Amino acid sequence: MFHATMRSAIDDARTLAQLDDLSRTIWQAHAAETVTDAEAQGLAEALHTRRSAVREAVAPVGIPLGRNDAVPAEAPPAGP
């Protein structure tokens, strides 16, 4: 039951923070011997796959790479 619940939670996770919490829960359950090595490993692999999908869906915020508009260009000399 734990395995099915965690699998569903992994599929429903939308943020990296949620996935981090799930990872912690899985390994705490493993330490308490609630899940076997194989089950914990399978869930960890599902987490890794989901984490990659979440990272790909994240849209960058701010100045695009390769642009340095945050620093104004030097003004040309004013005199002859």
C-alpha atoms as a PDB file:
ATOM      1  CA  MET A   1       0.000   0.000   0.000  1.00  0.00           C
ATOM      2  CA  PHE A   2       2.837   2.410   0.813  1.00  0.00           C
ATOM      3  CA  HIS A   3       4.399   1.672  -2.550  1.00  0.00           C
ATOM      4  CA  ALA A   4       1.195   2.466  -4.495  1.00  0.00           C
ATOM      5  CA  THR A   5       0.565   5.618  -2.464  1.00  0.00           C
ATOM      6  CA  MET A   6       4.092   6.893  -3.012  1.00  0.00           C
ATOM      7  CA  ARG A   7       3.986   6.065  -6.713  1.00  0.00           C
ATOM      8  CA  SER A   8       0.794   8.099  -7.061  1.00  0.00           C
ATOM      9  CA  ALA A   9       2.292  10.994  -5.060  1.00  0.00           C
ATOM     10  CA  ILE A  10       5.386  10.984  -7.296  1.00  0.00           C
ATOM     11  CA  ASP A  11       3.239  11.138 -10.424  1.00  0.00           C
ATOM     12  CA  ASP A  12       1.205  14.017  -8.963  1.00  0.00           C
ATOM     13  CA  ALA A  13       4.196  16.071  -7.710  1.00  0.00           C
ATOM     14  CA  ARG A  14       4.599  19.405  -9.482  1.00  0.00           C
ATOM     15  CA  THR A  15       7.646  20.923  -7.763  1.00  0.00           C
ATOM     16  CA  LEU A  16      11.170  19.853  -6.909  1.00  0.00           C
ATOM     17  CA  ALA A  17      10.446  20.608  -3.232  1.00  0.00           C
ATOM     18  CA  GLN A  18       7.552  18.126  -3.269  1.00  0.00           C
ATOM     19  CA  LEU A  19       9.807  15.517  -4.833  1.00  0.00           C
ATOM     20  CA  ASP A  20      12.486  16.163  -2.203  1.00  0.00           C
ATOM     21  CA  ASP A  21       9.912  15.589   0.549  1.00  0.00           C
ATOM     22  CA  LEU A  22       8.772  12.361  -1.085  1.00  0.00           C
ATOM     23  CA  SER A  23      12.360  11.180  -1.398  1.00  0.00           C
ATOM     24  CA  ARG A  24      12.931  11.810   2.304  1.00  0.00           C
ATOM     25  CA  THR A  25       9.758   9.890   3.157  1.00  0.00           C
ATOM     26  CA  ILE A  26      10.769   6.937   1.005  1.00  0.00           C
ATOM     27  CA  TRP A  27      14.205   6.595   2.581  1.00  0.00           C
ATOM     28  CA  GLN A  28      12.802   7.050   6.083  1.00  0.00           C
ATOM     29  CA  ALA A  29      10.369   4.218   5.338  1.00  0.00           C
ATOM     30  CA  HIS A  30      13.265   2.138   4.057  1.00  0.00           C
ATOM     31  CA  ALA A  31      15.234   2.800   7.242  1.00  0.00           C
ATOM     32  CA  ALA A  32      12.180   1.738   9.273  1.00  0.00           C
ATOM     33  CA  GLU A  33      11.995  -1.412   7.090  1.00  0.00           C
ATOM     34  CA  THR A  34       8.539  -0.500   5.815  1.00  0.00           C
ATOM     35  CA  VAL A  35       9.681  -0.971   2.214  1.00  0.00           C
ATOM     36  CA  THR A  36      12.213  -3.389   0.773  1.00  0.00           C
ATOM     37  CA  ASP A  37      15.444  -2.419  -0.967  1.00  0.00           C
ATOM     38  CA  ALA A  38      13.903  -3.176  -4.354  1.00  0.00           C
ATOM     39  CA  GLU A  39      10.770  -1.117  -3.665  1.00  0.00           C
ATOM     40  CA  ALA A  40      12.789   1.854  -2.395  1.00  0.00           C
ATOM     41  CA  GLN A  41      15.063   1.654  -5.422  1.00  0.00           C
ATOM     42  CA  GLY A  42      12.091   1.506  -7.795  1.00  0.00           C
ATOM     43  CA  LEU A  43      10.520   4.537  -6.156  1.00  0.00           C
ATOM     44  CA  ALA A  44      13.848   6.390  -6.256  1.00  0.00           C
ATOM     45  CA  GLU A  45      14.096   5.712  -9.991  1.00  0.00           C
ATOM     46  CA  ALA A  46      10.540   6.992 -10.501  1.00  0.00           C
ATOM     47  CA  LEU A  47      11.497  10.111  -8.516  1.00  0.00           C
ATOM     48  CA  HIS A  48      14.538  10.665 -10.718  1.00  0.00           C
ATOM     49  CA  THR A  49      12.435  10.389 -13.878  1.00  0.00           C
ATOM     50  CA  ARG A  50       9.772  12.741 -12.507  1.00  0.00           C
ATOM     51  CA  ARG A  51      12.409  15.214 -11.308  1.00  0.00           C
ATOM     52  CA  SER A  52      13.829  15.394 -14.846  1.00  0.00           C
ATOM     53  CA  ALA A  53      10.353  16.080 -16.250  1.00  0.00           C
ATOM     54  CA  VAL A  54       9.718  18.835 -13.687  1.00  0.00           C
ATOM     55  CA  ARG A  55      13.073  20.465 -14.458  1.00  0.00           C
ATOM     56  CA  GLU A  56      12.321  20.480 -18.187  1.00  0.00           C
ATOM     57  CA  ALA A  57       8.965  22.164 -17.528  1.00  0.00           C
ATOM     58  CA  VAL A  58      10.517  24.998 -15.512  1.00  0.00           C
ATOM     59  CA  ALA A  59      10.569  28.239 -17.501  1.00  0.00           C
ATOM     60  CA  PRO A  60      13.553  30.490 -16.880  1.00  0.00           C
ATOM     61  CA  VAL A  61      12.817  33.802 -15.219  1.00  0.00           C
ATOM     62  CA  GLY A  62      14.849  36.959 -15.668  1.00  0.00           C
ATOM     63  CA  ILE A  63      17.456  37.855 -18.217  1.00  0.00           C
ATOM     64  CA  PRO A  64      18.014  35.187 -20.877  1.00  0.00           C
ATOM     65  CA  LEU A  65      21.449  33.593 -20.971  1.00  0.00           C
ATOM     66  CA  GLY A  66      23.934  35.383 -23.159  1.00  0.00           C
ATOM     67  CA  ARG A  67      22.472  38.814 -22.509  1.00  0.00           C
ATOM     68  CA  ASN A  68      23.914  41.224 -20.022  1.00  0.00           C
ATOM     69  CA  ASP A  69      21.308  44.001 -19.952  1.00  0.00           C
ATOM     70  CA  ALA A  70      21.565  44.238 -16.186  1.00  0.00           C
ATOM     71  CA  VAL A  71      24.805  46.189 -16.593  1.00  0.00           C
ATOM     72  CA  PRO A  72      24.461  49.344 -18.707  1.00  0.00           C
ATOM     73  CA  ALA A  73      26.911  49.832 -21.536  1.00  0.00           C
ATOM     74  CA  GLU A  74      29.562  52.500 -21.122  1.00  0.00           C
ATOM     75  CA  ALA A  75      28.609  55.860 -22.564  1.00  0.00           C
ATOM     76  CA  PRO A  76      30.758  57.103 -25.445  1.00  0.00           C
ATOM     77  CA  PRO A  77      33.208  59.874 -24.611  1.00  0.00           C
ATOM     78  CA  ALA A  78      31.528  63.305 -24.542  1.00  0.00           C
ATOM     79  CA  GLY A  79      34.376  65.459 -25.878  1.00  0.00           C
ATOM     80  CA  PRO A  80      36.768  65.639 -28.797  1.00  0.00           C
END
